[in-house]
PDB file of N, CA and C in Angstrom:
ATOM      1  N   MET A   1      16.205  -1.895 -38.367  1.00  0.00           N
ATOM      2  CA  MET A   1      16.679  -1.971 -36.876  1.00  0.00           C
ATOM      3  C   MET A   1      18.063  -1.765 -37.235  1.00  0.00           C
ATOM      4  N   ALA A   2      18.398  -0.426 -36.505  1.00  0.00           N
ATOM      5  CA  ALA A   2      19.937  -0.897 -36.337  1.00  0.00           C
ATOM      6  C   ALA A   2      20.729  -1.849 -35.306  1.00  0.00           C
ATOM      7  N   ILE A   3      21.766  -2.397 -35.468  1.00  0.00           N
ATOM      8  CA  ILE A   3      22.789  -3.286 -34.611  1.00  0.00           C
ATOM      9  C   ILE A   3      24.130  -2.338 -34.773  1.00  0.00           C
ATOM     10  N   ARG A   4      24.125  -2.720 -32.837  1.00  0.00           N
ATOM     11  CA  ARG A   4      25.434  -2.380 -32.785  1.00  0.00           C
ATOM     12  C   ARG A   4      26.714  -2.840 -32.772  1.00  0.00           C
ATOM     13  N   LEU A   5      27.617  -2.991 -33.778  1.00  0.00           N
ATOM     14  CA  LEU A   5      28.674  -3.890 -33.429  1.00  0.00           C
ATOM     15  C   LEU A   5      30.330  -3.152 -33.128  1.00  0.00           C
ATOM     16  N   LYS A   6      30.637  -3.710 -32.603  1.00  0.00           N
ATOM     17  CA  LYS A   6      31.996  -3.595 -31.360  1.00  0.00           C
ATOM     18  C   LYS A   6      33.359  -3.959 -33.012  1.00  0.00           C
ATOM     19  N   VAL A   7      34.046  -2.897 -33.092  1.00  0.00           N
ATOM     20  CA  VAL A   7      35.245  -3.417 -34.559  1.00  0.00           C
ATOM     21  C   VAL A   7      36.491  -3.089 -33.304  1.00  0.00           C
ATOM     22  N   LYS A   8      36.960  -4.518 -33.258  1.00  0.00           N
ATOM     23  CA  LYS A   8      37.761  -4.214 -32.440  1.00  0.00           C
ATOM     24  C   LYS A   8      39.630  -3.991 -33.177  1.00  0.00           C
ATOM     25  N   ASN A   9      40.009  -3.026 -33.087  1.00  0.00           N
ATOM     26  CA  ASN A   9      41.450  -2.515 -33.992  1.00  0.00           C
ATOM     27  C   ASN A   9      42.551  -3.906 -33.522  1.00  0.00           C
ATOM     28  N   ALA A  10      42.714  -4.955 -34.551  1.00  0.00           N
ATOM     29  CA  ALA A  10      44.122  -5.524 -34.010  1.00  0.00           C
ATOM     30  C   ALA A  10      45.144  -4.978 -33.613  1.00  0.00           C
ATOM     31  N   GLU A  11      46.027  -4.250 -34.728  1.00  0.00           N
ATOM     32  CA  GLU A  11      46.632  -3.121 -34.613  1.00  0.00           C
ATOM     33  C   GLU A  11      47.025  -2.746 -33.458  1.00  0.00           C
ATOM     34  N   MET A  12      46.040  -1.735 -32.817  1.00  0.00           N
ATOM     35  CA  MET A  12      46.077  -0.741 -32.068  1.00  0.00           C
ATOM     36  C   MET A  12      45.797  -1.000 -30.932  1.00  0.00           C
ATOM     37  N   GLY A  13      44.772  -2.054 -30.658  1.00  0.00           N
ATOM     38  CA  GLY A  13      44.152  -2.921 -29.455  1.00  0.00           C
ATOM     39  C   GLY A  13      42.951  -1.765 -28.743  1.00  0.00           C
ATOM     40  N   LYS A  14      42.461  -0.842 -30.190  1.00  0.00           N
ATOM     41  CA  LYS A  14      41.466  -0.184 -29.452  1.00  0.00           C
ATOM     42  C   LYS A  14      40.446  -0.666 -30.133  1.00  0.00           C
ATOM     43  N   GLU A  15      39.170  -0.274 -29.510  1.00  0.00           N
ATOM     44  CA  GLU A  15      37.851  -0.964 -30.274  1.00  0.00           C
ATOM     45  C   GLU A  15      36.861   0.977 -30.455  1.00  0.00           C
ATOM     46  N   LEU A  16      36.103   0.632 -31.566  1.00  0.00           N
ATOM     47  CA  LEU A  16      35.082   1.625 -32.080  1.00  0.00           C
ATOM     48  C   LEU A  16      33.469   0.442 -32.012  1.00  0.00           C
ATOM     49  N   THR A  17      32.520   1.252 -32.163  1.00  0.00           N
ATOM     50  CA  THR A  17      31.252   1.159 -31.984  1.00  0.00           C
ATOM     51  C   THR A  17      30.348   1.546 -33.178  1.00  0.00           C
ATOM     52  N   LEU A  18      30.290   0.779 -33.995  1.00  0.00           N
ATOM     53  CA  LEU A  18      29.241   1.081 -34.970  1.00  0.00           C
ATOM     54  C   LEU A  18      27.950   1.030 -34.848  1.00  0.00           C
ATOM     55  N   GLU A  19      26.638   1.707 -35.312  1.00  0.00           N
ATOM     56  CA  GLU A  19      25.117   1.414 -35.390  1.00  0.00           C
ATOM     57  C   GLU A  19      25.382   0.622 -36.974  1.00  0.00           C
ATOM     58  N   ILE A  20      24.860   0.029 -37.472  1.00  0.00           N
ATOM     59  CA  ILE A  20      24.784  -0.757 -39.040  1.00  0.00           C
ATOM     60  C   ILE A  20      23.781  -1.281 -38.992  1.00  0.00           C
ATOM     61  N   SER A  21      23.148  -1.103 -40.430  1.00  0.00           N
ATOM     62  CA  SER A  21      22.072  -1.912 -40.276  1.00  0.00           C
ATOM     63  C   SER A  21      22.201  -2.928 -40.936  1.00  0.00           C
ATOM     64  N   PRO A  22      21.336  -3.923 -41.116  1.00  0.00           N
ATOM     65  CA  PRO A  22      21.626  -5.549 -41.382  1.00  0.00           C
ATOM     66  C   PRO A  22      21.412  -5.348 -43.271  1.00  0.00           C
ATOM     67  N   ASP A  23      21.507  -4.212 -44.118  1.00  0.00           N
ATOM     68  CA  ASP A  23      21.112  -4.258 -45.113  1.00  0.00           C
ATOM     69  C   ASP A  23      23.001  -3.750 -45.746  1.00  0.00           C
ATOM     70  N   GLU A  24      23.638  -3.234 -44.660  1.00  0.00           N
ATOM     71  CA  GLU A  24      24.943  -2.919 -45.008  1.00  0.00           C
ATOM     72  C   GLU A  24      26.649  -4.302 -45.008  1.00  0.00           C
ATOM     73  N   THR A  25      26.922  -4.070 -45.795  1.00  0.00           N
ATOM     74  CA  THR A  25      28.281  -5.203 -46.251  1.00  0.00           C
ATOM     75  C   THR A  25      29.023  -5.239 -44.699  1.00  0.00           C
ATOM     76  N   VAL A  26      30.049  -5.800 -45.415  1.00  0.00           N
ATOM     77  CA  VAL A  26      31.476  -6.245 -45.089  1.00  0.00           C
ATOM     78  C   VAL A  26      32.177  -5.073 -44.694  1.00  0.00           C
ATOM     79  N   GLU A  27      31.976  -4.282 -46.493  1.00  0.00           N
ATOM     80  CA  GLU A  27      32.828  -3.801 -46.645  1.00  0.00           C
ATOM     81  C   GLU A  27      32.358  -2.468 -46.398  1.00  0.00           C
ATOM     82  N   ASP A  28      31.494  -1.876 -45.724  1.00  0.00           N
ATOM     83  CA  ASP A  28      31.478  -0.804 -45.449  1.00  0.00           C
ATOM     84  C   ASP A  28      31.190  -0.655 -44.169  1.00  0.00           C
ATOM     85  N   VAL A  29      31.735  -1.667 -43.137  1.00  0.00           N
ATOM     86  CA  VAL A  29      32.089  -1.820 -42.300  1.00  0.00           C
ATOM     87  C   VAL A  29      33.923  -1.741 -42.068  1.00  0.00           C
ATOM     88  N   ILE A  30      34.319  -2.529 -42.906  1.00  0.00           N
ATOM     89  CA  ILE A  30      35.506  -2.258 -43.221  1.00  0.00           C
ATOM     90  C   ILE A  30      35.918  -0.453 -43.418  1.00  0.00           C
ATOM     91  N   ASN A  31      35.387  -0.009 -44.518  1.00  0.00           N
ATOM     92  CA  ASN A  31      35.304   1.734 -44.804  1.00  0.00           C
ATOM     93  C   ASN A  31      34.825   2.182 -43.408  1.00  0.00           C
ATOM     94  N   SER A  32      34.298   2.182 -42.623  1.00  0.00           N
ATOM     95  CA  SER A  32      33.785   2.772 -41.699  1.00  0.00           C
ATOM     96  C   SER A  32      34.787   2.991 -40.155  1.00  0.00           C
ATOM     97  N   ALA A  33      35.631   1.411 -40.187  1.00  0.00           N
ATOM     98  CA  ALA A  33      36.485   1.626 -39.346  1.00  0.00           C
ATOM     99  C   ALA A  33      37.614   2.121 -39.763  1.00  0.00           C
ATOM    100  N   ALA A  34      38.090   1.991 -41.297  1.00  0.00           N
ATOM    101  CA  ALA A  34      39.260   2.588 -41.783  1.00  0.00           C
ATOM    102  C   ALA A  34      39.418   4.088 -41.496  1.00  0.00           C
ATOM    103  N   GLU A  35      38.114   4.743 -41.923  1.00  0.00           N
ATOM    104  CA  GLU A  35      37.869   6.101 -42.179  1.00  0.00           C
ATOM    105  C   GLU A  35      37.777   6.430 -40.300  1.00  0.00           C
ATOM    106  N   PHE A  36      38.095   5.937 -39.502  1.00  0.00           N
ATOM    107  CA  PHE A  36      37.733   6.045 -37.991  1.00  0.00           C
ATOM    108  C   PHE A  36      39.181   6.159 -37.806  1.00  0.00           C
ATOM    109  N   TRP A  37      39.659   5.169 -37.883  1.00  0.00           N
ATOM    110  CA  TRP A  37      41.277   5.492 -37.536  1.00  0.00           C
ATOM    111  C   TRP A  37      42.256   5.979 -38.666  1.00  0.00           C
ATOM    112  N   ASN A  38      41.777   6.227 -39.467  1.00  0.00           N
ATOM    113  CA  ASN A  38      42.704   7.367 -40.399  1.00  0.00           C
ATOM    114  C   ASN A  38      43.469   5.907 -41.163  1.00  0.00           C
ATOM    115  N   LYS A  39      43.163   4.984 -41.545  1.00  0.00           N
ATOM    116  CA  LYS A  39      43.674   3.777 -42.340  1.00  0.00           C
ATOM    117  C   LYS A  39      43.342   3.664 -43.552  1.00  0.00           C
ATOM    118  N   ASP A  40      43.930   3.142 -44.643  1.00  0.00           N
ATOM    119  CA  ASP A  40      43.723   2.509 -45.743  1.00  0.00           C
ATOM    120  C   ASP A  40      42.813   1.514 -46.136  1.00  0.00           C
ATOM    121  N   SER A  41      41.707   1.974 -46.378  1.00  0.00           N
ATOM    122  CA  SER A  41      39.964   0.496 -45.991  1.00  0.00           C
ATOM    123  C   SER A  41      40.745  -0.688 -47.099  1.00  0.00           C
ATOM    124  N   GLY A  42      41.577  -0.061 -48.371  1.00  0.00           N
ATOM    125  CA  GLY A  42      42.114  -1.551 -48.842  1.00  0.00           C
ATOM    126  C   GLY A  42      43.107  -2.831 -48.458  1.00  0.00           C
ATOM    127  N   ALA A  43      43.846  -2.184 -47.467  1.00  0.00           N
ATOM    128  CA  ALA A  43      44.753  -2.927 -46.700  1.00  0.00           C
ATOM    129  C   ALA A  43      44.173  -4.039 -45.524  1.00  0.00           C
ATOM    130  N   TYR A  44      42.616  -3.581 -45.357  1.00  0.00           N
ATOM    131  CA  TYR A  44      42.584  -4.707 -44.000  1.00  0.00           C
ATOM    132  C   TYR A  44      41.005  -5.614 -44.455  1.00  0.00           C
ATOM    133  N   ILE A  45      41.131  -6.656 -43.554  1.00  0.00           N
ATOM    134  CA  ILE A  45      39.910  -7.681 -43.537  1.00  0.00           C
ATOM    135  C   ILE A  45      39.142  -7.077 -42.302  1.00  0.00           C
ATOM    136  N   ILE A  46      38.352  -7.840 -42.032  1.00  0.00           N
ATOM    137  CA  ILE A  46      37.317  -8.375 -40.762  1.00  0.00           C
ATOM    138  C   ILE A  46      37.264  -9.642 -40.492  1.00  0.00           C
ATOM    139  N   ARG A  47      37.281 -10.238 -39.745  1.00  0.00           N
ATOM    140  CA  ARG A  47      37.655 -11.643 -39.162  1.00  0.00           C
ATOM    141  C   ARG A  47      36.918 -11.505 -37.908  1.00  0.00           C
ATOM    142  N   ARG A  48      35.728 -12.317 -37.864  1.00  0.00           N
ATOM    143  CA  ARG A  48      34.785 -12.976 -36.714  1.00  0.00           C
ATOM    144  C   ARG A  48      35.521 -14.460 -36.501  1.00  0.00           C
ATOM    145  N   GLY A  49      36.070 -14.713 -35.033  1.00  0.00           N
ATOM    146  CA  GLY A  49      36.485 -15.673 -34.355  1.00  0.00           C
ATOM    147  C   GLY A  49      37.536 -15.910 -35.616  1.00  0.00           C
ATOM    148  N   LYS A  50      37.690 -17.014 -36.100  1.00  0.00           N
ATOM    149  CA  LYS A  50      38.907 -17.400 -36.949  1.00  0.00           C
ATOM    150  C   LYS A  50      37.690 -17.438 -38.450  1.00  0.00           C
ATOM    151  N   GLN A  51      37.132 -17.093 -38.462  1.00  0.00           N
ATOM    152  CA  GLN A  51      36.224 -17.094 -40.024  1.00  0.00           C
ATOM    153  C   GLN A  51      37.119 -15.346 -40.335  1.00  0.00           C
ATOM    154  N   ILE A  52      37.404 -15.715 -41.505  1.00  0.00           N
ATOM    155  CA  ILE A  52      37.875 -14.114 -42.765  1.00  0.00           C
ATOM    156  C   ILE A  52      35.956 -13.714 -43.034  1.00  0.00           C
ATOM    157  N   LEU A  53      35.576 -12.778 -43.242  1.00  0.00           N
ATOM    158  CA  LEU A  53      34.252 -12.269 -44.054  1.00  0.00           C
ATOM    159  C   LEU A  53      34.849 -11.390 -44.979  1.00  0.00           C
ATOM    160  N   GLN A  54      33.697 -12.156 -46.045  1.00  0.00           N
ATOM    161  CA  GLN A  54      33.854 -11.587 -47.571  1.00  0.00           C
ATOM    162  C   GLN A  54      33.457 -10.254 -47.522  1.00  0.00           C
ATOM    163  N   GLY A  55      33.984  -9.466 -47.820  1.00  0.00           N
ATOM    164  CA  GLY A  55      33.454  -7.681 -48.153  1.00  0.00           C
ATOM    165  C   GLY A  55      32.182  -7.672 -48.486  1.00  0.00           C
ATOM    166  N   SER A  56      31.583  -8.755 -49.605  1.00  0.00           N
ATOM    167  CA  SER A  56      30.885  -8.351 -50.137  1.00  0.00           C
ATOM    168  C   SER A  56      29.081  -8.844 -49.537  1.00  0.00           C
ATOM    169  N   MET A  57      29.188  -9.478 -48.271  1.00  0.00           N
ATOM    170  CA  MET A  57      28.227 -10.295 -47.695  1.00  0.00           C
ATOM    171  C   MET A  57      27.652  -9.086 -47.105  1.00  0.00           C
ATOM    172  N   LYS A  58      26.483  -9.345 -46.886  1.00  0.00           N
ATOM    173  CA  LYS A  58      25.799  -8.036 -45.870  1.00  0.00           C
ATOM    174  C   LYS A  58      25.683  -8.596 -44.465  1.00  0.00           C
ATOM    175  N   ILE A  59      25.311  -7.771 -43.735  1.00  0.00           N
ATOM    176  CA  ILE A  59      25.489  -8.204 -42.451  1.00  0.00           C
ATOM    177  C   ILE A  59      24.154  -8.954 -42.031  1.00  0.00           C
ATOM    178  N   SER A  60      23.344  -8.920 -42.489  1.00  0.00           N
ATOM    179  CA  SER A  60      21.836 -10.088 -42.243  1.00  0.00           C
ATOM    180  C   SER A  60      22.385 -11.123 -42.666  1.00  0.00           C
ATOM    181  N   GLU A  61      23.235 -11.469 -43.378  1.00  0.00           N
ATOM    182  CA  GLU A  61      23.883 -13.017 -43.973  1.00  0.00           C
ATOM    183  C   GLU A  61      24.632 -13.437 -43.174  1.00  0.00           C
ATOM    184  N   ILE A  62      25.549 -12.819 -42.666  1.00  0.00           N
ATOM    185  CA  ILE A  62      26.592 -13.545 -41.843  1.00  0.00           C
ATOM    186  C   ILE A  62      26.145 -13.996 -40.063  1.00  0.00           C
ATOM    187  N   GLY A  63      24.802 -13.203 -40.016  1.00  0.00           N
ATOM    188  CA  GLY A  63      24.494 -13.393 -38.525  1.00  0.00           C
ATOM    189  C   GLY A  63      25.090 -12.960 -37.175  1.00  0.00           C
ATOM    190  N   VAL A  64      25.199 -11.600 -37.513  1.00  0.00           N
ATOM    191  CA  VAL A  64      25.961 -10.497 -36.261  1.00  0.00           C
ATOM    192  C   VAL A  64      24.581 -10.458 -35.949  1.00  0.00           C
ATOM    193  N   LEU A  65      25.170 -10.340 -34.331  1.00  0.00           N
ATOM    194  CA  LEU A  65      23.888 -10.160 -33.462  1.00  0.00           C
ATOM    195  C   LEU A  65      24.304  -8.837 -32.910  1.00  0.00           C
ATOM    196  N   ASP A  66      22.968  -8.053 -31.908  1.00  0.00           N
ATOM    197  CA  ASP A  66      23.859  -6.274 -31.302  1.00  0.00           C
ATOM    198  C   ASP A  66      24.830  -7.004 -30.036  1.00  0.00           C
ATOM    199  N   GLY A  67      25.520  -6.111 -30.355  1.00  0.00           N
ATOM    200  CA  GLY A  67      27.108  -6.277 -29.366  1.00  0.00           C
ATOM    201  C   GLY A  67      27.859  -7.317 -29.398  1.00  0.00           C
ATOM    202  N   ASP A  68      28.066  -8.004 -30.869  1.00  0.00           N
ATOM    203  CA  ASP A  68      28.843  -8.693 -31.438  1.00  0.00           C
ATOM    204  C   ASP A  68      30.304  -7.864 -31.334  1.00  0.00           C
ATOM    205  N   VAL A  69      31.480  -8.953 -31.612  1.00  0.00           N
ATOM    206  CA  VAL A  69      32.522  -8.029 -31.729  1.00  0.00           C
ATOM    207  C   VAL A  69      33.305  -8.682 -32.870  1.00  0.00           C
ATOM    208  N   VAL A  70      33.865  -8.129 -34.069  1.00  0.00           N
ATOM    209  CA  VAL A  70      34.431  -8.498 -34.814  1.00  0.00           C
ATOM    210  C   VAL A  70      35.792  -7.797 -34.993  1.00  0.00           C
ATOM    211  N   GLU A  71      36.803  -7.998 -35.560  1.00  0.00           N
ATOM    212  CA  GLU A  71      38.126  -7.457 -35.580  1.00  0.00           C
ATOM    213  C   GLU A  71      38.840  -7.497 -37.174  1.00  0.00           C
ATOM    214  N   LEU A  72      39.417  -6.165 -37.223  1.00  0.00           N
ATOM    215  CA  LEU A  72      39.992  -5.278 -38.111  1.00  0.00           C
ATOM    216  C   LEU A  72      40.920  -5.463 -37.891  1.00  0.00           C
ATOM    217  N   ILE A  73      42.216  -6.404 -38.974  1.00  0.00           N
ATOM    218  CA  ILE A  73      43.157  -6.961 -39.107  1.00  0.00           C
ATOM    219  C   ILE A  73      43.539  -6.905 -40.504  1.00  0.00           C
ATOM    220  N   PRO A  74      45.192  -6.518 -40.806  1.00  0.00           N
ATOM    221  CA  PRO A  74      45.544  -6.162 -41.801  1.00  0.00           C
ATOM    222  C   PRO A  74      45.367  -7.359 -42.605  1.00  0.00           C
ATOM    223  N   ASP A  75      45.298  -7.022 -44.039  1.00  0.00           N
ATOM    224  CA  ASP A  75      44.827  -8.242 -45.395  1.00  0.00           C
ATOM    225  C   ASP A  75      46.319  -8.909 -45.339  1.00  0.00           C
ATOM    226  N   PRO A  76      46.303 -10.228 -45.069  1.00  0.00           N
ATOM    227  CA  PRO A  76      47.756 -11.267 -44.975  1.00  0.00           C
ATOM    228  C   PRO A  76      47.967 -11.169 -46.713  1.00  0.00           C
ATOM    229  N   GLU A  77      47.147 -10.949 -47.289  1.00  0.00           N
ATOM    230  CA  GLU A  77      46.874 -10.934 -49.099  1.00  0.00           C
ATOM    231  C   GLU A  77      47.319  -9.754 -49.210  1.00  0.00           C
ATOM    232  N   GLY A  78      47.536  -8.931 -48.939  1.00  0.00           N
ATOM    233  CA  GLY A  78      47.947  -7.241 -49.358  1.00  0.00           C
ATOM    234  C   GLY A  78      46.739  -6.221 -49.382  1.00  0.00           C
ATOM    235  N   GLY A  79      47.169  -5.311 -49.870  1.00  0.00           N
ATOM    236  CA  GLY A  79      45.297  -4.891 -49.992  1.00  0.00           C
ATOM    237  C   GLY A  79      46.052  -3.662 -51.242  1.00  0.00           C
TER     238      GLY A  79
END
């Protein structure tokens, strides 16, 4: 079952809605959003609230629900 996840680009103030499966990883979300906005996926991370999400985590593991919003932010440690 697909989950609609809103990805907010913190730099641009824009939002993208992705349909993803629970088996996809946070890194898959980063790659899709970076490709959409023509950014280098290695230079970004995903934040949910105050929590930085690990790229290897599956969407099902982090408890994302349909319609949730995450932020695509520049990696503070560099990409």
